[in-house]
PDB file of N, CA and C in Angstrom:
ATOM      1  N   MET A   1       0.421 -11.528  -0.962  1.00  0.00           N
ATOM      2  CA  MET A   1       0.253 -10.361  -1.802  1.00  0.00           C
ATOM      3  C   MET A   1       1.573 -10.087  -2.521  1.00  0.00           C
ATOM      4  N   THR A   2       1.472  -9.812  -3.809  1.00  0.00           N
ATOM      5  CA  THR A   2       2.651  -9.473  -4.599  1.00  0.00           C
ATOM      6  C   THR A   2       2.867  -7.961  -4.578  1.00  0.00           C
ATOM      7  N   LYS A   3       4.015  -7.537  -5.086  1.00  0.00           N
ATOM      8  CA  LYS A   3       4.293  -6.103  -5.169  1.00  0.00           C
ATOM      9  C   LYS A   3       3.287  -5.411  -6.081  1.00  0.00           C
ATOM     10  N   LEU A   4       2.927  -6.062  -7.185  1.00  0.00           N
ATOM     11  CA  LEU A   4       1.956  -5.457  -8.101  1.00  0.00           C
ATOM     12  C   LEU A   4       0.575  -5.362  -7.470  1.00  0.00           C
ATOM     13  N   GLU A   5       0.186  -6.369  -6.718  1.00  0.00           N
ATOM     14  CA  GLU A   5      -1.108  -6.325  -6.028  1.00  0.00           C
ATOM     15  C   GLU A   5      -1.125  -5.206  -4.991  1.00  0.00           C
ATOM     16  N   LEU A   6      -0.016  -5.033  -4.281  1.00  0.00           N
ATOM     17  CA  LEU A   6       0.061  -3.950  -3.300  1.00  0.00           C
ATOM     18  C   LEU A   6       0.004  -2.601  -4.005  1.00  0.00           C
ATOM     19  N   ALA A   7       0.715  -2.455  -5.106  1.00  0.00           N
ATOM     20  CA  ALA A   7       0.683  -1.197  -5.860  1.00  0.00           C
ATOM     21  C   ALA A   7      -0.741  -0.879  -6.313  1.00  0.00           C
ATOM     22  N   ASP A   8      -1.469  -1.879  -6.798  1.00  0.00           N
ATOM     23  CA  ASP A   8      -2.865  -1.674  -7.203  1.00  0.00           C
ATOM     24  C   ASP A   8      -3.728  -1.254  -6.027  1.00  0.00           C
ATOM     25  N   MET A   9      -3.528  -1.881  -4.874  1.00  0.00           N
ATOM     26  CA  MET A   9      -4.300  -1.524  -3.677  1.00  0.00           C
ATOM     27  C   MET A   9      -4.009  -0.086  -3.271  1.00  0.00           C
ATOM     28  N   LEU A  10      -2.751   0.318  -3.329  1.00  0.00           N
ATOM     29  CA  LEU A  10      -2.401   1.694  -2.960  1.00  0.00           C
ATOM     30  C   LEU A  10      -3.032   2.689  -3.926  1.00  0.00           C
ATOM     31  N   ASP A  11      -3.037   2.367  -5.219  1.00  0.00           N
ATOM     32  CA  ASP A  11      -3.693   3.246  -6.191  1.00  0.00           C
ATOM     33  C   ASP A  11      -5.188   3.358  -5.910  1.00  0.00           C
ATOM     34  N   ARG A  12      -5.804   2.255  -5.548  1.00  0.00           N
ATOM     35  CA  ARG A  12      -7.231   2.306  -5.199  1.00  0.00           C
ATOM     36  C   ARG A  12      -7.432   3.182  -3.963  1.00  0.00           C
ATOM     37  N   PHE A  13      -6.552   3.044  -3.004  1.00  0.00           N
ATOM     38  CA  PHE A  13      -6.692   3.797  -1.761  1.00  0.00           C
ATOM     39  C   PHE A  13      -6.604   5.304  -1.983  1.00  0.00           C
ATOM     40  N   VAL A  14      -5.679   5.735  -2.811  1.00  0.00           N
ATOM     41  CA  VAL A  14      -5.530   7.180  -3.037  1.00  0.00           C
ATOM     42  C   VAL A  14      -6.493   7.705  -4.089  1.00  0.00           C
ATOM     43  N   GLY A  15      -7.320   6.825  -4.646  1.00  0.00           N
ATOM     44  CA  GLY A  15      -8.368   7.277  -5.556  1.00  0.00           C
ATOM     45  C   GLY A  15      -7.994   7.254  -7.016  1.00  0.00           C
ATOM     46  N   ASP A  16      -6.836   6.672  -7.345  1.00  0.00           N
ATOM     47  CA  ASP A  16      -6.441   6.609  -8.746  1.00  0.00           C
ATOM     48  C   ASP A  16      -7.128   5.463  -9.475  1.00  0.00           C
ATOM     49  N   GLN A  17      -7.686   4.533  -8.743  1.00  0.00           N
ATOM     50  CA  GLN A  17      -8.440   3.424  -9.327  1.00  0.00           C
ATOM     51  C   GLN A  17      -9.682   3.226  -8.464  1.00  0.00           C
ATOM     52  N   PRO A  18     -10.764   2.771  -9.048  1.00  0.00           N
ATOM     53  CA  PRO A  18     -11.996   2.579  -8.276  1.00  0.00           C
ATOM     54  C   PRO A  18     -11.959   1.324  -7.406  1.00  0.00           C
ATOM     55  N   ASP A  19     -12.894   1.239  -6.509  1.00  0.00           N
ATOM     56  CA  ASP A  19     -13.214   0.021  -5.768  1.00  0.00           C
ATOM     57  C   ASP A  19     -12.235  -0.367  -4.663  1.00  0.00           C
ATOM     58  N   CYS A  20     -11.746   0.599  -3.908  1.00  0.00           N
ATOM     59  CA  CYS A  20     -10.950   0.247  -2.730  1.00  0.00           C
ATOM     60  C   CYS A  20     -11.931  -0.213  -1.661  1.00  0.00           C
ATOM     61  N   GLY A  21     -11.707  -1.409  -1.158  1.00  0.00           N
ATOM     62  CA  GLY A  21     -12.576  -1.935  -0.125  1.00  0.00           C
ATOM     63  C   GLY A  21     -12.501  -1.102   1.148  1.00  0.00           C
ATOM     64  N   ASP A  22     -13.589  -1.070   1.902  1.00  0.00           N
ATOM     65  CA  ASP A  22     -13.646  -0.254   3.108  1.00  0.00           C
ATOM     66  C   ASP A  22     -12.535  -0.586   4.096  1.00  0.00           C
ATOM     67  N   TRP A  23     -12.156  -1.835   4.183  1.00  0.00           N
ATOM     68  CA  TRP A  23     -11.174  -2.253   5.178  1.00  0.00           C
ATOM     69  C   TRP A  23      -9.855  -2.687   4.555  1.00  0.00           C
ATOM     70  N   GLU A  24      -9.692  -2.497   3.271  1.00  0.00           N
ATOM     71  CA  GLU A  24      -8.508  -2.986   2.568  1.00  0.00           C
ATOM     72  C   GLU A  24      -7.211  -2.412   3.156  1.00  0.00           C
ATOM     73  N   TRP A  25      -7.159  -1.109   3.376  1.00  0.00           N
ATOM     74  CA  TRP A  25      -5.969  -0.476   3.952  1.00  0.00           C
ATOM     75  C   TRP A  25      -5.708  -1.027   5.347  1.00  0.00           C
ATOM     76  N   ASP A  26      -6.723  -1.033   6.175  1.00  0.00           N
ATOM     77  CA  ASP A  26      -6.575  -1.510   7.553  1.00  0.00           C
ATOM     78  C   ASP A  26      -6.170  -2.982   7.591  1.00  0.00           C
ATOM     79  N   ASP A  27      -6.768  -3.791   6.751  1.00  0.00           N
ATOM     80  CA  ASP A  27      -6.411  -5.213   6.701  1.00  0.00           C
ATOM     81  C   ASP A  27      -4.934  -5.381   6.353  1.00  0.00           C
ATOM     82  N   PHE A  28      -4.463  -4.614   5.374  1.00  0.00           N
ATOM     83  CA  PHE A  28      -3.069  -4.744   4.966  1.00  0.00           C
ATOM     84  C   PHE A  28      -2.117  -4.271   6.064  1.00  0.00           C
ATOM     85  N   THR A  29      -2.383  -3.105   6.638  1.00  0.00           N
ATOM     86  CA  THR A  29      -1.443  -2.552   7.611  1.00  0.00           C
ATOM     87  C   THR A  29      -1.501  -3.258   8.961  1.00  0.00           C
ATOM     88  N   SER A  30      -2.554  -4.016   9.223  1.00  0.00           N
ATOM     89  CA  SER A  30      -2.717  -4.669  10.525  1.00  0.00           C
ATOM     90  C   SER A  30      -2.142  -6.072  10.603  1.00  0.00           C
ATOM     91  N   VAL A  31      -1.864  -6.688   9.481  1.00  0.00           N
ATOM     92  CA  VAL A  31      -1.447  -8.093   9.481  1.00  0.00           C
ATOM     93  C   VAL A  31      -0.031  -8.211   8.921  1.00  0.00           C
ATOM     94  N   LYS A  32       0.873  -8.769   9.720  1.00  0.00           N
ATOM     95  CA  LYS A  32       2.265  -8.934   9.308  1.00  0.00           C
ATOM     96  C   LYS A  32       2.351  -9.829   8.074  1.00  0.00           C
ATOM     97  N   SER A  33       3.222  -9.427   7.151  1.00  0.00           N
ATOM     98  CA  SER A  33       3.433 -10.202   5.930  1.00  0.00           C
ATOM     99  C   SER A  33       4.596 -11.161   6.119  1.00  0.00           C
ATOM    100  N   ALA A  34       4.486 -12.352   5.549  1.00  0.00           N
ATOM    101  CA  ALA A  34       5.574 -13.322   5.585  1.00  0.00           C
ATOM    102  C   ALA A  34       6.688 -12.934   4.611  1.00  0.00           C
ATOM    103  N   ASP A  35       6.366 -12.100   3.636  1.00  0.00           N
ATOM    104  CA  ASP A  35       7.342 -11.631   2.651  1.00  0.00           C
ATOM    105  C   ASP A  35       8.060 -10.411   3.231  1.00  0.00           C
ATOM    106  N   SER A  36       9.360 -10.494   3.429  1.00  0.00           N
ATOM    107  CA  SER A  36      10.107  -9.417   4.083  1.00  0.00           C
ATOM    108  C   SER A  36      10.057  -8.110   3.295  1.00  0.00           C
ATOM    109  N   GLU A  37      10.011  -8.187   1.966  1.00  0.00           N
ATOM    110  CA  GLU A  37       9.918  -6.957   1.172  1.00  0.00           C
ATOM    111  C   GLU A  37       8.565  -6.287   1.356  1.00  0.00           C
ATOM    112  N   ILE A  38       7.506  -7.062   1.317  1.00  0.00           N
ATOM    113  CA  ILE A  38       6.162  -6.514   1.521  1.00  0.00           C
ATOM    114  C   ILE A  38       6.031  -6.003   2.956  1.00  0.00           C
ATOM    115  N   GLU A  39       6.620  -6.707   3.893  1.00  0.00           N
ATOM    116  CA  GLU A  39       6.560  -6.292   5.305  1.00  0.00           C
ATOM    117  C   GLU A  39       7.201  -4.922   5.501  1.00  0.00           C
ATOM    118  N   ARG A  40       8.280  -4.667   4.790  1.00  0.00           N
ATOM    119  CA  ARG A  40       8.933  -3.351   4.891  1.00  0.00           C
ATOM    120  C   ARG A  40       7.966  -2.245   4.480  1.00  0.00           C
ATOM    121  N   TYR A  41       7.237  -2.474   3.390  1.00  0.00           N
ATOM    122  CA  TYR A  41       6.249  -1.489   2.942  1.00  0.00           C
ATOM    123  C   TYR A  41       5.082  -1.401   3.925  1.00  0.00           C
ATOM    124  N   ARG A  42       4.662  -2.535   4.467  1.00  0.00           N
ATOM    125  CA  ARG A  42       3.552  -2.528   5.425  1.00  0.00           C
ATOM    126  C   ARG A  42       3.901  -1.659   6.627  1.00  0.00           C
ATOM    127  N   LEU A  43       5.104  -1.819   7.139  1.00  0.00           N
ATOM    128  CA  LEU A  43       5.517  -1.026   8.295  1.00  0.00           C
ATOM    129  C   LEU A  43       5.585   0.461   7.965  1.00  0.00           C
ATOM    130  N   GLU A  44       6.101   0.786   6.795  1.00  0.00           N
ATOM    131  CA  GLU A  44       6.181   2.186   6.371  1.00  0.00           C
ATOM    132  C   GLU A  44       4.785   2.798   6.243  1.00  0.00           C
ATOM    133  N   LEU A  45       3.882   2.058   5.625  1.00  0.00           N
ATOM    134  CA  LEU A  45       2.524   2.565   5.441  1.00  0.00           C
ATOM    135  C   LEU A  45       1.747   2.613   6.751  1.00  0.00           C
ATOM    136  N   ALA A  46       1.962   1.640   7.619  1.00  0.00           N
ATOM    137  CA  ALA A  46       1.264   1.616   8.906  1.00  0.00           C
ATOM    138  C   ALA A  46       1.681   2.789   9.779  1.00  0.00           C
ATOM    139  N   ALA A  47       2.900   3.285   9.587  1.00  0.00           N
ATOM    140  CA  ALA A  47       3.386   4.406  10.390  1.00  0.00           C
ATOM    141  C   ALA A  47       2.775   5.741   9.969  1.00  0.00           C
ATOM    142  N   MET A  48       2.159   5.778   8.800  1.00  0.00           N
ATOM    143  CA  MET A  48       1.521   7.019   8.337  1.00  0.00           C
ATOM    144  C   MET A  48       0.255   7.273   9.136  1.00  0.00           C
ATOM    145  N   ASP A  49       0.107   8.493   9.559  1.00  0.00           N
ATOM    146  CA  ASP A  49      -1.098   8.887  10.278  1.00  0.00           C
ATOM    147  C   ASP A  49      -1.933   9.781   9.381  1.00  0.00           C
ATOM    148  N   PRO A  50      -3.253   9.687   9.510  1.00  0.00           N
ATOM    149  CA  PRO A  50      -4.093  10.605   8.732  1.00  0.00           C
ATOM    150  C   PRO A  50      -3.786  12.045   9.139  1.00  0.00           C
ATOM    151  N   PRO A  51      -3.830  13.011   8.257  1.00  0.00           N
ATOM    152  CA  PRO A  51      -4.144  12.827   6.843  1.00  0.00           C
ATOM    153  C   PRO A  51      -2.973  12.186   6.107  1.00  0.00           C
ATOM    154  N   PHE A  52      -3.292  11.266   5.234  1.00  0.00           N
ATOM    155  CA  PHE A  52      -2.280  10.528   4.509  1.00  0.00           C
ATOM    156  C   PHE A  52      -1.629  11.401   3.443  1.00  0.00           C
ATOM    157  N   ASP A  53      -0.345  11.172   3.228  1.00  0.00           N
ATOM    158  CA  ASP A  53       0.398  11.860   2.174  1.00  0.00           C
ATOM    159  C   ASP A  53       0.178  11.068   0.881  1.00  0.00           C
ATOM    160  N   ARG A  54      -0.814  11.481   0.121  1.00  0.00           N
ATOM    161  CA  ARG A  54      -1.191  10.740  -1.081  1.00  0.00           C
ATOM    162  C   ARG A  54      -0.050  10.691  -2.098  1.00  0.00           C
ATOM    163  N   ASP A  55       0.753  11.752  -2.179  1.00  0.00           N
ATOM    164  CA  ASP A  55       1.879  11.732  -3.112  1.00  0.00           C
ATOM    165  C   ASP A  55       2.917  10.696  -2.683  1.00  0.00           C
ATOM    166  N   ALA A  56       3.157  10.560  -1.394  1.00  0.00           N
ATOM    167  CA  ALA A  56       4.102   9.547  -0.892  1.00  0.00           C
ATOM    168  C   ALA A  56       3.578   8.147  -1.195  1.00  0.00           C
ATOM    169  N   ILE A  57       2.271   7.947  -1.035  1.00  0.00           N
ATOM    170  CA  ILE A  57       1.676   6.635  -1.319  1.00  0.00           C
ATOM    171  C   ILE A  57       1.781   6.321  -2.806  1.00  0.00           C
ATOM    172  N   ARG A  58       1.539   7.315  -3.654  1.00  0.00           N
ATOM    173  CA  ARG A  58       1.699   7.106  -5.098  1.00  0.00           C
ATOM    174  C   ARG A  58       3.153   6.767  -5.431  1.00  0.00           C
ATOM    175  N   GLY A  59       4.098   7.400  -4.746  1.00  0.00           N
ATOM    176  CA  GLY A  59       5.513   7.111  -4.958  1.00  0.00           C
ATOM    177  C   GLY A  59       5.867   5.681  -4.586  1.00  0.00           C
ATOM    178  N   ILE A  60       5.292   5.190  -3.495  1.00  0.00           N
ATOM    179  CA  ILE A  60       5.513   3.804  -3.082  1.00  0.00           C
ATOM    180  C   ILE A  60       4.940   2.861  -4.126  1.00  0.00           C
ATOM    181  N   ALA A  61       3.754   3.166  -4.646  1.00  0.00           N
ATOM    182  CA  ALA A  61       3.145   2.318  -5.689  1.00  0.00           C
ATOM    183  C   ALA A  61       4.039   2.282  -6.926  1.00  0.00           C
ATOM    184  N   ARG A  62       4.588   3.419  -7.314  1.00  0.00           N
ATOM    185  CA  ARG A  62       5.495   3.471  -8.460  1.00  0.00           C
ATOM    186  C   ARG A  62       6.737   2.620  -8.198  1.00  0.00           C
ATOM    187  N   GLU A  63       7.304   2.757  -7.012  1.00  0.00           N
ATOM    188  CA  GLU A  63       8.487   1.977  -6.640  1.00  0.00           C
ATOM    189  C   GLU A  63       8.201   0.478  -6.681  1.00  0.00           C
ATOM    190  N   LEU A  64       7.046   0.087  -6.180  1.00  0.00           N
ATOM    191  CA  LEU A  64       6.672  -1.325  -6.211  1.00  0.00           C
ATOM    192  C   LEU A  64       6.610  -1.859  -7.631  1.00  0.00           C
ATOM    193  N   ARG A  65       6.023  -1.079  -8.526  1.00  0.00           N
ATOM    194  CA  ARG A  65       5.911  -1.514  -9.923  1.00  0.00           C
ATOM    195  C   ARG A  65       7.288  -1.601 -10.592  1.00  0.00           C
ATOM    196  N   GLU A  66       8.166  -0.641 -10.288  1.00  0.00           N
ATOM    197  CA  GLU A  66       9.498  -0.644 -10.894  1.00  0.00           C
ATOM    198  C   GLU A  66      10.336  -1.821 -10.417  1.00  0.00           C
ATOM    199  N   ASN A  67      10.082  -2.285  -9.201  1.00  0.00           N
ATOM    200  CA  ASN A  67      10.885  -3.364  -8.610  1.00  0.00           C
ATOM    201  C   ASN A  67      10.184  -4.719  -8.614  1.00  0.00           C
ATOM    202  N   ALA A  68       9.062  -4.800  -9.317  1.00  0.00           N
ATOM    203  CA  ALA A  68       8.311  -6.059  -9.344  1.00  0.00           C
ATOM    204  C   ALA A  68       8.978  -7.085 -10.227  1.00  0.00           C
TER     205      ALA A  68
END
């Protein structure tokens, strides 16, 4: 997964884009990434407990796009 793909997935998750898969969030947060940069985001997102901070998730998506 690239930074842009992760940013798109996060936007889908918070409802800014349609078609977030039912298990997309869980699949991402449950499986370690071989990419150390993506892994850092995975760990940060996995540590979030519901209710999710949608503004924080949008901020991460913005950061991913800026650093892609």
